[in-house]
Amino acid sequence: MRFALILAVLAGCGRDTPAPTSDSLWALAPANARGGIVITSRGVGMIERGYADVQKLLEAVPDLVAAKEQLAEAMAPFGPAITLADFGLSPSKGAALFMTKDGMVAILPLVDRDKFLAKVKGTKGEPVDTIDATTCKMFRGFYA
């Protein structure tokens, strides 16, 4: 019995190793980062599916009409149906947000830079893009 318990513990130990995507995202943390959040590609996909499920729920439940209207108002600048692909983003890449003393650094799952910049009304530059007062650029295969 004791052997079976030890075997079960050892078999389970390797299951919590971070995916290569999360390691590569954590490696992008600035040296002065005070904290951060990393979302693997699986997590990004789950967030997108969750958003779609919330939309379906709001459509199906009449009692949630107020929440539906609030969400529609908040998302109005982006259009009625919003997916990652609409923004040039993909669930095939992870995302991250790192907090620093002076602000934040976001790592986006970008696959189509032109589509993203058009949707957020940004200006493409080489090598730095501008979105309002924010600058963004490709960095080690990710958009930051």
N, C-alpha and C. Protein backbone atom coordinates (compact mmCIF):
# COMPACT_ATOMS: atom_id res chain seq x y z
N MET A 1 0.83 -1.19 0.00
CA MET A 1 0.00 0.00 0.00
C MET A 1 0.87 1.25 0.00
N ARG A 2 1.91 1.24 0.83
CA ARG A 2 2.79 2.39 0.91
C ARG A 2 3.48 2.64 -0.44
N PHE A 3 3.87 1.56 -1.13
CA PHE A 3 4.51 1.67 -2.44
C PHE A 3 3.57 2.34 -3.45
N ALA A 4 2.30 1.95 -3.43
CA ALA A 4 1.33 2.53 -4.35
C ALA A 4 1.15 4.02 -4.10
N LEU A 5 1.15 4.42 -2.82
CA LEU A 5 1.01 5.83 -2.47
C LEU A 5 2.22 6.63 -2.96
N ILE A 6 3.42 6.10 -2.73
CA ILE A 6 4.64 6.78 -3.18
C ILE A 6 4.65 6.88 -4.70
N LEU A 7 4.26 5.82 -5.38
CA LEU A 7 4.21 5.83 -6.84
C LEU A 7 3.23 6.88 -7.34
N ALA A 8 2.08 6.99 -6.71
CA ALA A 8 1.08 7.99 -7.11
C ALA A 8 1.60 9.40 -6.91
N VAL A 9 2.28 9.65 -5.80
CA VAL A 9 2.85 10.97 -5.53
C VAL A 9 3.91 11.31 -6.57
N LEU A 10 4.80 10.38 -6.86
CA LEU A 10 5.86 10.63 -7.84
C LEU A 10 5.29 10.85 -9.24
N ALA A 11 4.27 10.11 -9.60
CA ALA A 11 3.66 10.27 -10.91
C ALA A 11 3.00 11.63 -11.05
N GLY A 12 2.45 12.14 -9.97
CA GLY A 12 1.78 13.43 -10.02
C GLY A 12 2.70 14.63 -9.95
N CYS A 13 3.93 14.43 -9.50
CA CYS A 13 4.85 15.55 -9.31
C CYS A 13 5.20 16.27 -10.59
N GLY A 14 5.30 15.58 -11.69
CA GLY A 14 5.72 16.20 -12.94
C GLY A 14 4.62 16.91 -13.69
N ARG A 15 3.42 16.87 -13.22
CA ARG A 15 2.29 17.43 -13.97
C ARG A 15 2.16 18.94 -13.83
N ASP A 16 2.82 19.52 -12.87
CA ASP A 16 2.68 20.96 -12.66
C ASP A 16 3.82 21.76 -13.27
N THR A 17 4.59 21.15 -14.16
CA THR A 17 5.67 21.90 -14.79
C THR A 17 5.07 22.91 -15.75
N PRO A 18 5.59 24.13 -15.76
CA PRO A 18 5.02 25.14 -16.64
C PRO A 18 5.23 24.81 -18.10
N ALA A 19 4.29 25.18 -18.92
CA ALA A 19 4.41 24.98 -20.35
C ALA A 19 5.53 25.85 -20.89
N PRO A 20 6.16 25.43 -21.98
CA PRO A 20 7.23 26.26 -22.55
C PRO A 20 6.77 27.68 -22.84
N THR A 21 5.51 27.85 -23.21
CA THR A 21 4.99 29.19 -23.47
C THR A 21 5.08 30.06 -22.23
N SER A 22 4.73 29.51 -21.08
CA SER A 22 4.78 30.33 -19.86
C SER A 22 6.21 30.68 -19.50
N ASP A 23 7.14 29.76 -19.68
CA ASP A 23 8.54 30.06 -19.41
C ASP A 23 9.04 31.19 -20.31
N SER A 24 8.70 31.12 -21.60
CA SER A 24 9.17 32.16 -22.52
C SER A 24 8.52 33.50 -22.21
N LEU A 25 7.30 33.49 -21.72
CA LEU A 25 6.65 34.75 -21.34
C LEU A 25 7.25 35.32 -20.07
N TRP A 26 7.51 34.48 -19.07
CA TRP A 26 8.14 34.97 -17.85
C TRP A 26 9.53 35.53 -18.15
N ALA A 27 10.20 34.97 -19.15
CA ALA A 27 11.54 35.45 -19.52
C ALA A 27 11.49 36.88 -20.08
N LEU A 28 10.32 37.35 -20.48
CA LEU A 28 10.17 38.70 -21.01
C LEU A 28 9.97 39.75 -19.92
N ALA A 29 9.86 39.33 -18.68
CA ALA A 29 9.63 40.28 -17.58
C ALA A 29 10.79 41.27 -17.51
N PRO A 30 10.47 42.57 -17.42
CA PRO A 30 11.54 43.56 -17.27
C PRO A 30 12.30 43.34 -15.96
N ALA A 31 13.54 43.76 -15.95
CA ALA A 31 14.37 43.59 -14.75
C ALA A 31 13.77 44.29 -13.54
N ASN A 32 13.04 45.39 -13.78
CA ASN A 32 12.47 46.15 -12.67
C ASN A 32 11.00 45.79 -12.40
N ALA A 33 10.56 44.63 -12.88
CA ALA A 33 9.17 44.21 -12.67
C ALA A 33 8.92 43.97 -11.18
N ARG A 34 7.77 44.45 -10.72
CA ARG A 34 7.36 44.25 -9.32
C ARG A 34 6.36 43.12 -9.18
N GLY A 35 5.82 42.68 -10.29
CA GLY A 35 4.86 41.60 -10.29
C GLY A 35 4.41 41.34 -11.70
N GLY A 36 3.69 40.26 -11.89
CA GLY A 36 3.23 39.97 -13.23
C GLY A 36 2.21 38.86 -13.26
N ILE A 37 1.55 38.77 -14.40
CA ILE A 37 0.57 37.73 -14.67
C ILE A 37 0.91 37.16 -16.04
N VAL A 38 1.01 35.85 -16.13
CA VAL A 38 1.26 35.19 -17.41
C VAL A 38 0.08 34.28 -17.70
N ILE A 39 -0.41 34.33 -18.93
CA ILE A 39 -1.52 33.48 -19.36
C ILE A 39 -1.02 32.64 -20.52
N THR A 40 -1.05 31.33 -20.37
CA THR A 40 -0.59 30.45 -21.43
C THR A 40 -1.55 30.52 -22.62
N SER A 41 -1.14 29.94 -23.73
CA SER A 41 -2.01 29.93 -24.90
C SER A 41 -3.33 29.24 -24.58
N ARG A 42 -3.29 28.21 -23.79
CA ARG A 42 -4.53 27.53 -23.39
C ARG A 42 -5.43 28.48 -22.60
N GLY A 43 -4.83 29.25 -21.71
CA GLY A 43 -5.59 30.21 -20.92
C GLY A 43 -6.20 31.30 -21.78
N VAL A 44 -5.45 31.77 -22.77
CA VAL A 44 -5.98 32.80 -23.68
C VAL A 44 -7.20 32.26 -24.42
N GLY A 45 -7.10 31.02 -24.89
CA GLY A 45 -8.24 30.39 -25.57
C GLY A 45 -9.43 30.23 -24.65
N MET A 46 -9.19 29.88 -23.39
CA MET A 46 -10.28 29.72 -22.43
C MET A 46 -10.96 31.06 -22.15
N ILE A 47 -10.20 32.13 -22.09
CA ILE A 47 -10.78 33.45 -21.87
C ILE A 47 -11.68 33.83 -23.04
N GLU A 48 -11.21 33.56 -24.26
CA GLU A 48 -12.03 33.88 -25.43
C GLU A 48 -13.32 33.07 -25.43
N ARG A 49 -13.22 31.78 -25.14
CA ARG A 49 -14.43 30.94 -25.09
C ARG A 49 -15.36 31.38 -23.96
N GLY A 50 -14.79 31.78 -22.84
CA GLY A 50 -15.59 32.27 -21.72
C GLY A 50 -16.36 33.53 -22.09
N TYR A 51 -15.71 34.43 -22.81
CA TYR A 51 -16.39 35.66 -23.25
C TYR A 51 -17.56 35.30 -24.18
N ALA A 52 -17.33 34.37 -25.09
CA ALA A 52 -18.41 33.94 -26.00
C ALA A 52 -19.56 33.30 -25.21
N ASP A 53 -19.23 32.53 -24.20
CA ASP A 53 -20.27 31.90 -23.37
C ASP A 53 -21.08 32.94 -22.59
N VAL A 54 -20.40 33.97 -22.09
CA VAL A 54 -21.11 35.05 -21.38
C VAL A 54 -22.06 35.76 -22.35
N GLN A 55 -21.60 36.00 -23.57
CA GLN A 55 -22.46 36.64 -24.57
C GLN A 55 -23.72 35.80 -24.81
N LYS A 56 -23.54 34.49 -24.97
CA LYS A 56 -24.68 33.60 -25.19
C LYS A 56 -25.64 33.62 -24.01
N LEU A 57 -25.10 33.62 -22.80
CA LEU A 57 -25.92 33.66 -21.60
C LEU A 57 -26.73 34.95 -21.55
N LEU A 58 -26.09 36.07 -21.84
CA LEU A 58 -26.79 37.36 -21.82
C LEU A 58 -27.90 37.41 -22.85
N GLU A 59 -27.70 36.74 -23.97
CA GLU A 59 -28.74 36.68 -25.01
C GLU A 59 -29.91 35.79 -24.57
N ALA A 60 -29.62 34.75 -23.82
CA ALA A 60 -30.63 33.75 -23.49
C ALA A 60 -31.45 34.07 -22.25
N VAL A 61 -30.94 34.89 -21.35
CA VAL A 61 -31.62 35.14 -20.07
C VAL A 61 -32.16 36.57 -20.04
N PRO A 62 -33.48 36.72 -20.14
CA PRO A 62 -34.08 38.06 -20.16
C PRO A 62 -33.77 38.90 -18.92
N ASP A 63 -33.60 38.27 -17.78
CA ASP A 63 -33.32 39.02 -16.55
C ASP A 63 -31.96 39.72 -16.57
N LEU A 64 -31.11 39.35 -17.50
CA LEU A 64 -29.77 39.93 -17.58
C LEU A 64 -29.68 41.05 -18.63
N VAL A 65 -30.81 41.60 -19.00
CA VAL A 65 -30.81 42.63 -20.05
C VAL A 65 -29.98 43.85 -19.65
N ALA A 66 -29.99 44.23 -18.38
CA ALA A 66 -29.20 45.39 -17.95
C ALA A 66 -27.70 45.11 -18.11
N ALA A 67 -27.27 43.92 -17.74
CA ALA A 67 -25.86 43.55 -17.90
C ALA A 67 -25.49 43.48 -19.38
N LYS A 68 -26.41 42.98 -20.18
CA LYS A 68 -26.18 42.88 -21.63
C LYS A 68 -25.98 44.28 -22.22
N GLU A 69 -26.81 45.22 -21.80
CA GLU A 69 -26.71 46.59 -22.31
C GLU A 69 -25.41 47.25 -21.85
N GLN A 70 -25.00 47.01 -20.61
CA GLN A 70 -23.74 47.58 -20.10
C GLN A 70 -22.55 47.04 -20.87
N LEU A 71 -22.55 45.75 -21.12
CA LEU A 71 -21.46 45.14 -21.87
C LEU A 71 -21.44 45.66 -23.31
N ALA A 72 -22.61 45.78 -23.92
CA ALA A 72 -22.69 46.29 -25.29
C ALA A 72 -22.16 47.72 -25.37
N GLU A 73 -22.48 48.53 -24.37
CA GLU A 73 -22.00 49.92 -24.34
C GLU A 73 -20.48 49.97 -24.19
N ALA A 74 -19.95 49.14 -23.31
CA ALA A 74 -18.50 49.12 -23.08
C ALA A 74 -17.74 48.64 -24.31
N MET A 75 -18.33 47.72 -25.06
CA MET A 75 -17.65 47.15 -26.22
C MET A 75 -18.02 47.84 -27.54
N ALA A 76 -18.90 48.83 -27.50
CA ALA A 76 -19.37 49.51 -28.71
C ALA A 76 -18.25 50.01 -29.62
N PRO A 77 -17.17 50.57 -29.09
CA PRO A 77 -16.11 51.05 -29.99
C PRO A 77 -15.47 49.95 -30.84
N PHE A 78 -15.64 48.69 -30.45
CA PHE A 78 -14.98 47.60 -31.15
C PHE A 78 -15.90 46.82 -32.08
N GLY A 79 -17.18 47.11 -32.08
CA GLY A 79 -18.11 46.39 -32.93
C GLY A 79 -18.91 45.37 -32.14
N PRO A 80 -19.93 44.77 -32.78
CA PRO A 80 -20.85 43.89 -32.07
C PRO A 80 -20.25 42.55 -31.64
N ALA A 81 -19.68 41.80 -32.54
CA ALA A 81 -19.11 40.50 -32.19
C ALA A 81 -17.60 40.64 -32.14
N ILE A 82 -17.02 40.33 -31.00
CA ILE A 82 -15.59 40.53 -30.81
C ILE A 82 -14.91 39.18 -30.57
N THR A 83 -13.90 38.92 -31.38
CA THR A 83 -13.06 37.74 -31.18
C THR A 83 -11.61 38.20 -31.18
N LEU A 84 -10.73 37.36 -30.72
CA LEU A 84 -9.31 37.68 -30.77
C LEU A 84 -8.88 37.94 -32.21
N ALA A 85 -9.38 37.12 -33.14
CA ALA A 85 -9.00 37.26 -34.55
C ALA A 85 -9.39 38.64 -35.09
N ASP A 86 -10.49 39.22 -34.61
CA ASP A 86 -10.90 40.56 -35.04
C ASP A 86 -9.82 41.59 -34.74
N PHE A 87 -9.01 41.32 -33.73
CA PHE A 87 -7.95 42.24 -33.31
C PHE A 87 -6.57 41.81 -33.79
N GLY A 88 -6.51 40.77 -34.62
CA GLY A 88 -5.21 40.29 -35.07
C GLY A 88 -4.48 39.50 -33.99
N LEU A 89 -5.23 39.00 -33.02
CA LEU A 89 -4.66 38.23 -31.92
C LEU A 89 -5.06 36.76 -32.08
N SER A 90 -4.39 35.87 -31.37
CA SER A 90 -4.67 34.45 -31.50
C SER A 90 -4.50 33.73 -30.18
N PRO A 91 -5.36 32.73 -29.93
CA PRO A 91 -5.17 31.92 -28.73
C PRO A 91 -4.00 30.94 -28.86
N SER A 92 -3.31 30.96 -30.00
CA SER A 92 -2.16 30.06 -30.17
C SER A 92 -0.91 30.60 -29.48
N LYS A 93 -0.99 31.83 -28.98
CA LYS A 93 0.14 32.44 -28.26
C LYS A 93 -0.35 32.86 -26.88
N GLY A 94 0.54 32.91 -25.95
CA GLY A 94 0.20 33.35 -24.61
C GLY A 94 0.22 34.86 -24.49
N ALA A 95 -0.08 35.35 -23.31
CA ALA A 95 -0.10 36.79 -23.03
C ALA A 95 0.46 37.01 -21.63
N ALA A 96 0.86 38.24 -21.36
CA ALA A 96 1.39 38.55 -20.02
C ALA A 96 1.20 40.03 -19.72
N LEU A 97 1.23 40.34 -18.45
CA LEU A 97 1.19 41.73 -17.99
C LEU A 97 2.15 41.83 -16.81
N PHE A 98 3.13 42.71 -16.95
CA PHE A 98 4.12 42.92 -15.90
C PHE A 98 3.98 44.33 -15.34
N MET A 99 3.97 44.45 -14.03
CA MET A 99 3.87 45.75 -13.38
C MET A 99 5.26 46.23 -12.99
N THR A 100 5.52 47.51 -13.27
CA THR A 100 6.77 48.14 -12.88
C THR A 100 6.44 49.38 -12.06
N LYS A 101 7.44 50.01 -11.52
CA LYS A 101 7.22 51.23 -10.73
C LYS A 101 6.56 52.31 -11.57
N ASP A 102 6.93 52.38 -12.85
CA ASP A 102 6.46 53.45 -13.72
C ASP A 102 5.24 53.10 -14.55
N GLY A 103 4.74 51.89 -14.47
CA GLY A 103 3.58 51.52 -15.28
C GLY A 103 3.51 50.02 -15.49
N MET A 104 3.09 49.64 -16.69
CA MET A 104 2.91 48.23 -17.01
C MET A 104 3.50 47.92 -18.38
N VAL A 105 3.85 46.66 -18.57
CA VAL A 105 4.29 46.15 -19.86
C VAL A 105 3.35 45.00 -20.20
N ALA A 106 2.63 45.13 -21.32
CA ALA A 106 1.72 44.08 -21.76
C ALA A 106 2.36 43.31 -22.91
N ILE A 107 2.22 42.00 -22.87
CA ILE A 107 2.68 41.12 -23.94
C ILE A 107 1.41 40.53 -24.56
N LEU A 108 1.17 40.83 -25.83
CA LEU A 108 -0.07 40.42 -26.48
C LEU A 108 0.15 39.24 -27.43
N PRO A 109 -0.87 38.39 -27.60
CA PRO A 109 -0.75 37.24 -28.51
C PRO A 109 -1.00 37.65 -29.97
N LEU A 110 -0.15 38.52 -30.48
CA LEU A 110 -0.33 39.13 -31.80
C LEU A 110 0.08 38.19 -32.93
N VAL A 111 -0.78 38.10 -33.95
CA VAL A 111 -0.44 37.36 -35.16
C VAL A 111 -0.60 38.21 -36.42
N ASP A 112 -1.34 39.32 -36.32
CA ASP A 112 -1.54 40.22 -37.46
C ASP A 112 -1.42 41.67 -36.98
N ARG A 113 -0.23 42.21 -37.09
CA ARG A 113 0.07 43.56 -36.57
C ARG A 113 -0.79 44.63 -37.25
N ASP A 114 -0.94 44.55 -38.56
CA ASP A 114 -1.72 45.57 -39.28
C ASP A 114 -3.18 45.57 -38.84
N LYS A 115 -3.76 44.39 -38.70
CA LYS A 115 -5.16 44.29 -38.27
C LYS A 115 -5.32 44.85 -36.85
N PHE A 116 -4.38 44.52 -35.97
CA PHE A 116 -4.43 45.01 -34.59
C PHE A 116 -4.36 46.53 -34.57
N LEU A 117 -3.40 47.10 -35.28
CA LEU A 117 -3.25 48.56 -35.27
C LEU A 117 -4.46 49.26 -35.87
N ALA A 118 -5.06 48.67 -36.90
CA ALA A 118 -6.26 49.27 -37.49
C ALA A 118 -7.41 49.25 -36.48
N LYS A 119 -7.56 48.16 -35.75
CA LYS A 119 -8.67 48.03 -34.80
C LYS A 119 -8.54 48.99 -33.62
N VAL A 120 -7.30 49.19 -33.15
CA VAL A 120 -7.10 50.06 -31.98
C VAL A 120 -6.70 51.48 -32.38
N LYS A 121 -6.76 51.75 -33.68
CA LYS A 121 -6.45 53.07 -34.23
C LYS A 121 -5.02 53.51 -33.88
N GLY A 122 -4.10 52.56 -34.04
CA GLY A 122 -2.69 52.83 -33.78
C GLY A 122 -1.97 53.25 -35.05
N THR A 123 -0.72 53.67 -34.88
CA THR A 123 0.11 54.08 -36.00
C THR A 123 1.31 53.15 -36.09
N LYS A 124 1.49 52.55 -37.26
CA LYS A 124 2.59 51.61 -37.45
C LYS A 124 3.88 52.38 -37.69
N GLY A 125 4.93 51.95 -37.05
CA GLY A 125 6.24 52.54 -37.23
C GLY A 125 7.29 51.45 -37.26
N GLU A 126 8.49 51.80 -37.60
CA GLU A 126 9.59 50.84 -37.59
C GLU A 126 10.68 51.34 -36.68
N PRO A 127 10.98 50.72 -35.62
CA PRO A 127 10.43 49.45 -35.15
C PRO A 127 9.31 49.62 -34.14
N VAL A 128 8.93 50.88 -33.82
CA VAL A 128 7.99 51.13 -32.72
C VAL A 128 6.65 51.63 -33.26
N ASP A 129 5.55 51.01 -32.80
CA ASP A 129 4.20 51.46 -33.12
C ASP A 129 3.71 52.36 -32.00
N THR A 130 2.71 53.20 -32.31
CA THR A 130 2.15 54.10 -31.31
C THR A 130 0.64 53.90 -31.25
N ILE A 131 0.13 53.73 -30.03
CA ILE A 131 -1.31 53.64 -29.78
C ILE A 131 -1.59 54.67 -28.70
N ASP A 132 -2.25 55.77 -29.08
CA ASP A 132 -2.40 56.92 -28.20
C ASP A 132 -1.01 57.34 -27.72
N ALA A 133 -0.77 57.34 -26.42
CA ALA A 133 0.55 57.74 -25.90
C ALA A 133 1.43 56.52 -25.59
N THR A 134 0.96 55.33 -25.97
CA THR A 134 1.67 54.10 -25.66
C THR A 134 2.51 53.65 -26.86
N THR A 135 3.71 53.17 -26.59
CA THR A 135 4.55 52.63 -27.65
C THR A 135 4.60 51.11 -27.53
N CYS A 136 4.62 50.45 -28.69
CA CYS A 136 4.64 48.99 -28.75
C CYS A 136 5.63 48.55 -29.81
N LYS A 137 6.19 47.36 -29.64
CA LYS A 137 7.09 46.82 -30.66
C LYS A 137 7.19 45.31 -30.52
N MET A 138 7.69 44.68 -31.56
CA MET A 138 7.97 43.25 -31.51
C MET A 138 9.21 43.05 -30.66
N PHE A 139 9.15 42.05 -29.79
CA PHE A 139 10.27 41.78 -28.88
C PHE A 139 10.37 40.28 -28.66
N ARG A 140 11.43 39.68 -29.14
CA ARG A 140 11.65 38.23 -29.00
C ARG A 140 10.46 37.41 -29.46
N GLY A 141 9.85 37.80 -30.57
CA GLY A 141 8.73 37.06 -31.13
C GLY A 141 7.37 37.39 -30.52
N PHE A 142 7.34 38.32 -29.59
CA PHE A 142 6.08 38.74 -28.96
C PHE A 142 5.89 40.24 -29.19
N TYR A 143 4.66 40.70 -29.05
CA TYR A 143 4.33 42.12 -29.22
C TYR A 143 4.18 42.73 -27.83
N ALA A 144 5.02 43.70 -27.54
CA ALA A 144 5.02 44.32 -26.21
C ALA A 144 4.79 45.81 -26.32
